[in-house]
PDB file of all heavy atoms in Angstrom:
ATOM      1  N   VAL A   1      -6.009 -17.908 -15.371  1.00  0.00           N
ATOM      2  CA  VAL A   1      -6.619 -16.935 -14.473  1.00  0.00           C
ATOM      3  C   VAL A   1      -6.968 -15.684 -15.266  1.00  0.00           C
ATOM      4  O   VAL A   1      -6.156 -15.178 -16.042  1.00  0.00           O
ATOM      5  CB  VAL A   1      -5.630 -16.582 -13.334  1.00  0.00           C
ATOM      6  CG1 VAL A   1      -6.216 -15.525 -12.413  1.00  0.00           C
ATOM      7  CG2 VAL A   1      -5.269 -17.835 -12.555  1.00  0.00           C
ATOM      8  N   GLU A   2      -8.205 -15.202 -15.083  1.00  0.00           N
ATOM      9  CA  GLU A   2      -8.679 -13.954 -15.693  1.00  0.00           C
ATOM     10  C   GLU A   2      -8.524 -13.922 -17.213  1.00  0.00           C
ATOM     11  O   GLU A   2      -7.983 -12.988 -17.785  1.00  0.00           O
ATOM     12  CB  GLU A   2      -7.983 -12.753 -15.053  1.00  0.00           C
ATOM     13  CG  GLU A   2      -8.274 -12.624 -13.580  1.00  0.00           C
ATOM     14  CD  GLU A   2      -7.552 -11.468 -12.919  1.00  0.00           C
ATOM     15  OE1 GLU A   2      -6.807 -10.741 -13.594  1.00  0.00           O
ATOM     16  OE2 GLU A   2      -7.738 -11.292 -11.712  1.00  0.00           O
ATOM     17  N   ALA A   3      -9.024 -14.937 -17.883  1.00  0.00           N
ATOM     18  CA  ALA A   3      -8.954 -15.005 -19.348  1.00  0.00           C
ATOM     19  C   ALA A   3     -10.191 -14.358 -19.972  1.00  0.00           C
ATOM     20  O   ALA A   3     -11.266 -14.324 -19.376  1.00  0.00           O
ATOM     21  CB  ALA A   3      -8.832 -16.450 -19.802  1.00  0.00           C
ATOM     22  N   LEU A   4     -10.031 -13.883 -21.204  1.00  0.00           N
ATOM     23  CA  LEU A   4     -11.107 -13.225 -21.954  1.00  0.00           C
ATOM     24  C   LEU A   4     -11.222 -13.862 -23.332  1.00  0.00           C
ATOM     25  O   LEU A   4     -10.214 -14.046 -24.021  1.00  0.00           O
ATOM     26  CB  LEU A   4     -10.784 -11.729 -22.108  1.00  0.00           C
ATOM     27  CG  LEU A   4     -11.624 -10.934 -23.111  1.00  0.00           C
ATOM     28  CD1 LEU A   4     -13.063 -10.815 -22.631  1.00  0.00           C
ATOM     29  CD2 LEU A   4     -11.006  -9.571 -23.341  1.00  0.00           C
ATOM     30  N   ALA A   5     -12.445 -14.188 -23.741  1.00  0.00           N
ATOM     31  CA  ALA A   5     -12.747 -14.582 -25.123  1.00  0.00           C
ATOM     32  C   ALA A   5     -13.856 -13.650 -25.603  1.00  0.00           C
ATOM     33  O   ALA A   5     -14.972 -13.671 -25.075  1.00  0.00           O
ATOM     34  CB  ALA A   5     -13.191 -16.030 -25.212  1.00  0.00           C
ATOM     35  N   GLU A   6     -13.557 -12.825 -26.606  1.00  0.00           N
ATOM     36  CA  GLU A   6     -14.514 -11.811 -27.046  1.00  0.00           C
ATOM     37  C   GLU A   6     -14.424 -11.603 -28.550  1.00  0.00           C
ATOM     38  O   GLU A   6     -13.333 -11.535 -29.120  1.00  0.00           O
ATOM     39  CB  GLU A   6     -14.229 -10.502 -26.321  1.00  0.00           C
ATOM     40  CG  GLU A   6     -15.175  -9.381 -26.684  1.00  0.00           C
ATOM     41  CD  GLU A   6     -14.915  -8.136 -25.854  1.00  0.00           C
ATOM     42  OE1 GLU A   6     -13.742  -7.837 -25.554  1.00  0.00           O
ATOM     43  OE2 GLU A   6     -15.892  -7.469 -25.510  1.00  0.00           O
ATOM     44  N   GLY A   7     -15.592 -11.517 -29.195  1.00  0.00           N
ATOM     45  CA  GLY A   7     -15.656 -11.160 -30.601  1.00  0.00           C
ATOM     46  C   GLY A   7     -15.149 -12.219 -31.562  1.00  0.00           C
ATOM     47  O   GLY A   7     -14.792 -11.906 -32.690  1.00  0.00           O
ATOM     48  N   ASN A   8     -15.117 -13.471 -31.134  1.00  0.00           N
ATOM     49  CA  ASN A   8     -14.643 -14.558 -31.991  1.00  0.00           C
ATOM     50  C   ASN A   8     -15.796 -15.189 -32.761  1.00  0.00           C
ATOM     51  O   ASN A   8     -16.938 -15.179 -32.301  1.00  0.00           O
ATOM     52  CB  ASN A   8     -13.953 -15.626 -31.134  1.00  0.00           C
ATOM     53  CG  ASN A   8     -12.760 -15.072 -30.410  1.00  0.00           C
ATOM     54  OD1 ASN A   8     -11.750 -14.795 -31.021  1.00  0.00           O
ATOM     55  ND2 ASN A   8     -12.884 -14.881 -29.105  1.00  0.00           N
ATOM     56  N   LYS A   9     -15.488 -15.761 -33.914  1.00  0.00           N
ATOM     57  CA  LYS A   9     -16.461 -16.507 -34.712  1.00  0.00           C
ATOM     58  C   LYS A   9     -15.914 -17.920 -34.869  1.00  0.00           C
ATOM     59  O   LYS A   9     -14.801 -18.105 -35.368  1.00  0.00           O
ATOM     60  CB  LYS A   9     -16.660 -15.863 -36.069  1.00  0.00           C
ATOM     61  CG  LYS A   9     -17.267 -14.491 -35.972  1.00  0.00           C
ATOM     62  CD  LYS A   9     -17.400 -13.860 -37.342  1.00  0.00           C
ATOM     63  CE  LYS A   9     -17.946 -12.449 -37.184  1.00  0.00           C
ATOM     64  NZ  LYS A   9     -17.971 -11.745 -38.466  1.00  0.00           N
ATOM     65  N   ILE A  10     -16.704 -18.905 -34.433  1.00  0.00           N
ATOM     66  CA  ILE A  10     -16.245 -20.291 -34.434  1.00  0.00           C
ATOM     67  C   ILE A  10     -17.268 -21.128 -35.197  1.00  0.00           C
ATOM     68  O   ILE A  10     -18.451 -21.141 -34.862  1.00  0.00           O
ATOM     69  CB  ILE A  10     -16.082 -20.809 -33.000  1.00  0.00           C
ATOM     70  CG1 ILE A  10     -15.065 -19.915 -32.271  1.00  0.00           C
ATOM     71  CG2 ILE A  10     -15.635 -22.256 -32.992  1.00  0.00           C
ATOM     72  CD1 ILE A  10     -15.106 -20.026 -30.795  1.00  0.00           C
ATOM     73  N   TYR A  11     -16.786 -21.827 -36.218  1.00  0.00           N
ATOM     74  CA  TYR A  11     -17.652 -22.626 -37.077  1.00  0.00           C
ATOM     75  C   TYR A  11     -17.220 -24.088 -37.061  1.00  0.00           C
ATOM     76  O   TYR A  11     -16.050 -24.397 -37.251  1.00  0.00           O
ATOM     77  CB  TYR A  11     -17.572 -22.128 -38.532  1.00  0.00           C
ATOM     78  CG  TYR A  11     -17.972 -20.688 -38.715  1.00  0.00           C
ATOM     79  CD1 TYR A  11     -17.018 -19.683 -38.684  1.00  0.00           C
ATOM     80  CD2 TYR A  11     -19.297 -20.337 -38.923  1.00  0.00           C
ATOM     81  CE1 TYR A  11     -17.372 -18.352 -38.862  1.00  0.00           C
ATOM     82  CE2 TYR A  11     -19.665 -19.012 -39.099  1.00  0.00           C
ATOM     83  CZ  TYR A  11     -18.700 -18.027 -39.067  1.00  0.00           C
ATOM     84  OH  TYR A  11     -19.061 -16.714 -39.241  1.00  0.00           O
ATOM     85  N   ARG A  12     -18.154 -24.986 -36.847  1.00  0.00           N
ATOM     86  CA  ARG A  12     -18.019 -26.436 -37.015  1.00  0.00           C
ATOM     87  C   ARG A  12     -16.827 -27.093 -36.309  1.00  0.00           C
ATOM     88  O   ARG A  12     -16.032 -27.787 -36.944  1.00  0.00           O
ATOM     89  CB  ARG A  12     -17.977 -26.786 -38.495  1.00  0.00           C
ATOM     90  CG  ARG A  12     -19.218 -26.369 -39.258  1.00  0.00           C
ATOM     91  CD  ARG A  12     -19.159 -26.714 -40.724  1.00  0.00           C
ATOM     92  NE  ARG A  12     -18.067 -26.109 -41.456  1.00  0.00           N
ATOM     93  CZ  ARG A  12     -18.063 -24.867 -41.929  1.00  0.00           C
ATOM     94  NH1 ARG A  12     -19.085 -24.077 -41.735  1.00  0.00           N
ATOM     95  NH2 ARG A  12     -17.032 -24.413 -42.620  1.00  0.00           N
ATOM     96  N   PRO A  13     -16.713 -26.954 -34.962  1.00  0.00           N
ATOM     97  CA  PRO A  13     -15.724 -27.786 -34.293  1.00  0.00           C
ATOM     98  C   PRO A  13     -16.171 -29.244 -34.429  1.00  0.00           C
ATOM     99  O   PRO A  13     -17.352 -29.556 -34.275  1.00  0.00           O
ATOM    100  CB  PRO A  13     -15.753 -27.314 -32.836  1.00  0.00           C
ATOM    101  CG  PRO A  13     -17.054 -26.605 -32.672  1.00  0.00           C
ATOM    102  CD  PRO A  13     -17.455 -26.103 -34.031  1.00  0.00           C
ATOM    103  N   ALA A  14     -15.253 -30.133 -34.757  1.00  0.00           N
ATOM    104  CA  ALA A  14     -15.612 -31.496 -35.159  1.00  0.00           C
ATOM    105  C   ALA A  14     -16.179 -32.357 -34.026  1.00  0.00           C
ATOM    106  O   ALA A  14     -17.050 -33.180 -34.274  1.00  0.00           O
ATOM    107  CB  ALA A  14     -14.398 -32.186 -35.778  1.00  0.00           C
ATOM    108  N   GLN A  15     -15.699 -32.186 -32.787  1.00  0.00           N
ATOM    109  CA  GLN A  15     -16.099 -33.136 -31.762  1.00  0.00           C
ATOM    110  C   GLN A  15     -16.797 -32.535 -30.548  1.00  0.00           C
ATOM    111  O   GLN A  15     -17.725 -33.134 -30.025  1.00  0.00           O
ATOM    112  CB  GLN A  15     -14.874 -33.925 -31.279  1.00  0.00           C
ATOM    113  CG  GLN A  15     -14.283 -34.798 -32.354  1.00  0.00           C
ATOM    114  CD  GLN A  15     -13.089 -35.571 -31.836  1.00  0.00           C
ATOM    115  OE1 GLN A  15     -12.997 -35.883 -30.661  1.00  0.00           O
ATOM    116  NE2 GLN A  15     -12.160 -35.874 -32.714  1.00  0.00           N
ATOM    117  N   GLN A  16     -16.342 -31.402 -30.053  1.00  0.00           N
ATOM    118  CA  GLN A  16     -16.891 -30.948 -28.781  1.00  0.00           C
ATOM    119  C   GLN A  16     -17.322 -29.494 -28.821  1.00  0.00           C
ATOM    120  O   GLN A  16     -18.173 -29.136 -29.608  1.00  0.00           O
ATOM    121  CB  GLN A  16     -15.890 -31.208 -27.646  1.00  0.00           C
ATOM    122  CG  GLN A  16     -15.728 -32.686 -27.351  1.00  0.00           C
ATOM    123  CD  GLN A  16     -14.912 -32.935 -26.111  1.00  0.00           C
ATOM    124  OE1 GLN A  16     -14.840 -32.114 -25.199  1.00  0.00           O
ATOM    125  NE2 GLN A  16     -14.280 -34.091 -26.060  1.00  0.00           N
ATOM    126  N   HIS A  17     -16.715 -28.664 -28.006  1.00  0.00           N
ATOM    127  CA  HIS A  17     -17.203 -27.322 -27.733  1.00  0.00           C
ATOM    128  C   HIS A  17     -16.626 -26.272 -28.680  1.00  0.00           C
ATOM    129  O   HIS A  17     -15.491 -26.376 -29.112  1.00  0.00           O
ATOM    130  CB  HIS A  17     -16.816 -26.912 -26.302  1.00  0.00           C
ATOM    131  CG  HIS A  17     -17.202 -27.915 -25.277  1.00  0.00           C
ATOM    132  ND1 HIS A  17     -18.501 -28.095 -24.875  1.00  0.00           N
ATOM    133  CD2 HIS A  17     -16.463 -28.812 -24.589  1.00  0.00           C
ATOM    134  CE1 HIS A  17     -18.553 -29.051 -23.965  1.00  0.00           C
ATOM    135  NE2 HIS A  17     -17.322 -29.508 -23.770  1.00  0.00           N
ATOM    136  N   GLY A  18     -17.408 -25.240 -28.918  1.00  0.00           N
ATOM    137  CA  GLY A  18     -16.887 -24.084 -29.615  1.00  0.00           C
ATOM    138  C   GLY A  18     -15.909 -23.336 -28.733  1.00  0.00           C
ATOM    139  O   GLY A  18     -14.807 -22.995 -29.135  1.00  0.00           O
ATOM    140  N   ILE A  19     -16.317 -23.095 -27.466  1.00  0.00           N
ATOM    141  CA  ILE A  19     -15.449 -22.444 -26.481  1.00  0.00           C
ATOM    142  C   ILE A  19     -15.528 -23.248 -25.200  1.00  0.00           C
ATOM    143  O   ILE A  19     -16.616 -23.520 -24.695  1.00  0.00           O
ATOM    144  CB  ILE A  19     -15.887 -20.994 -26.200  1.00  0.00           C
ATOM    145  CG1 ILE A  19     -15.832 -20.161 -27.481  1.00  0.00           C
ATOM    146  CG2 ILE A  19     -15.031 -20.374 -25.102  1.00  0.00           C
ATOM    147  CD1 ILE A  19     -16.401 -18.759 -27.321  1.00  0.00           C
ATOM    148  N   TYR A  20     -14.370 -23.624 -24.663  1.00  0.00           N
ATOM    149  CA  TYR A  20     -14.318 -24.371 -23.407  1.00  0.00           C
ATOM    150  C   TYR A  20     -13.279 -23.736 -22.492  1.00  0.00           C
ATOM    151  O   TYR A  20     -12.101 -23.677 -22.840  1.00  0.00           O
ATOM    152  CB  TYR A  20     -13.965 -25.838 -23.642  1.00  0.00           C
ATOM    153  CG  TYR A  20     -13.916 -26.641 -22.365  1.00  0.00           C
ATOM    154  CD1 TYR A  20     -15.081 -27.117 -21.791  1.00  0.00           C
ATOM    155  CD2 TYR A  20     -12.708 -26.885 -21.733  1.00  0.00           C
ATOM    156  CE1 TYR A  20     -15.050 -27.832 -20.608  1.00  0.00           C
ATOM    157  CE2 TYR A  20     -12.670 -27.604 -20.548  1.00  0.00           C
ATOM    158  CZ  TYR A  20     -13.843 -28.071 -19.989  1.00  0.00           C
ATOM    159  OH  TYR A  20     -13.808 -28.766 -18.818  1.00  0.00           O
ATOM    160  N   PHE A  21     -13.727 -23.232 -21.346  1.00  0.00           N
ATOM    161  CA  PHE A  21     -12.840 -22.701 -20.312  1.00  0.00           C
ATOM    162  C   PHE A  21     -13.034 -23.569 -19.082  1.00  0.00           C
ATOM    163  O   PHE A  21     -14.151 -23.741 -18.606  1.00  0.00           O
ATOM    164  CB  PHE A  21     -13.212 -21.261 -19.959  1.00  0.00           C
ATOM    165  CG  PHE A  21     -12.675 -20.221 -20.893  1.00  0.00           C
ATOM    166  CD1 PHE A  21     -12.526 -20.451 -22.243  1.00  0.00           C
ATOM    167  CD2 PHE A  21     -12.334 -18.973 -20.418  1.00  0.00           C
ATOM    168  CE1 PHE A  21     -12.047 -19.472 -23.106  1.00  0.00           C
ATOM    169  CE2 PHE A  21     -11.851 -17.982 -21.261  1.00  0.00           C
ATOM    170  CZ  PHE A  21     -11.710 -18.239 -22.602  1.00  0.00           C
ATOM    171  N   GLY A  22     -11.955 -24.124 -18.545  1.00  0.00           N
ATOM    172  CA  GLY A  22     -12.072 -24.956 -17.360  1.00  0.00           C
ATOM    173  C   GLY A  22     -10.781 -25.029 -16.588  1.00  0.00           C
ATOM    174  O   GLY A  22      -9.718 -24.620 -17.065  1.00  0.00           O
ATOM    175  N   GLU A  23     -10.879 -25.563 -15.377  1.00  0.00           N
ATOM    176  CA  GLU A  23      -9.717 -25.804 -14.525  1.00  0.00           C
ATOM    177  C   GLU A  23      -8.916 -24.546 -14.242  1.00  0.00           C
ATOM    178  O   GLU A  23      -7.703 -24.575 -14.183  1.00  0.00           O
ATOM    179  CB  GLU A  23      -8.806 -26.876 -15.139  1.00  0.00           C
ATOM    180  CG  GLU A  23      -9.476 -28.190 -15.409  1.00  0.00           C
ATOM    181  CD  GLU A  23      -9.966 -28.888 -14.149  1.00  0.00           C
ATOM    182  OE1 GLU A  23      -9.379 -28.708 -13.073  1.00  0.00           O
ATOM    183  OE2 GLU A  23     -10.959 -29.613 -14.268  1.00  0.00           O
ATOM    184  N   GLY A  24      -9.602 -23.436 -14.074  1.00  0.00           N
ATOM    185  CA  GLY A  24      -8.913 -22.192 -13.723  1.00  0.00           C
ATOM    186  C   GLY A  24      -9.674 -21.520 -12.604  1.00  0.00           C
ATOM    187  O   GLY A  24     -10.271 -22.190 -11.774  1.00  0.00           O
TER     188      GLY A  24
END
């Protein structure tokens, strides 16, 4: 509940998403 993702750098996730928020 009420999560924040800010200012991150994500490179080459092998299978799926760089950022995934769900089920909240």
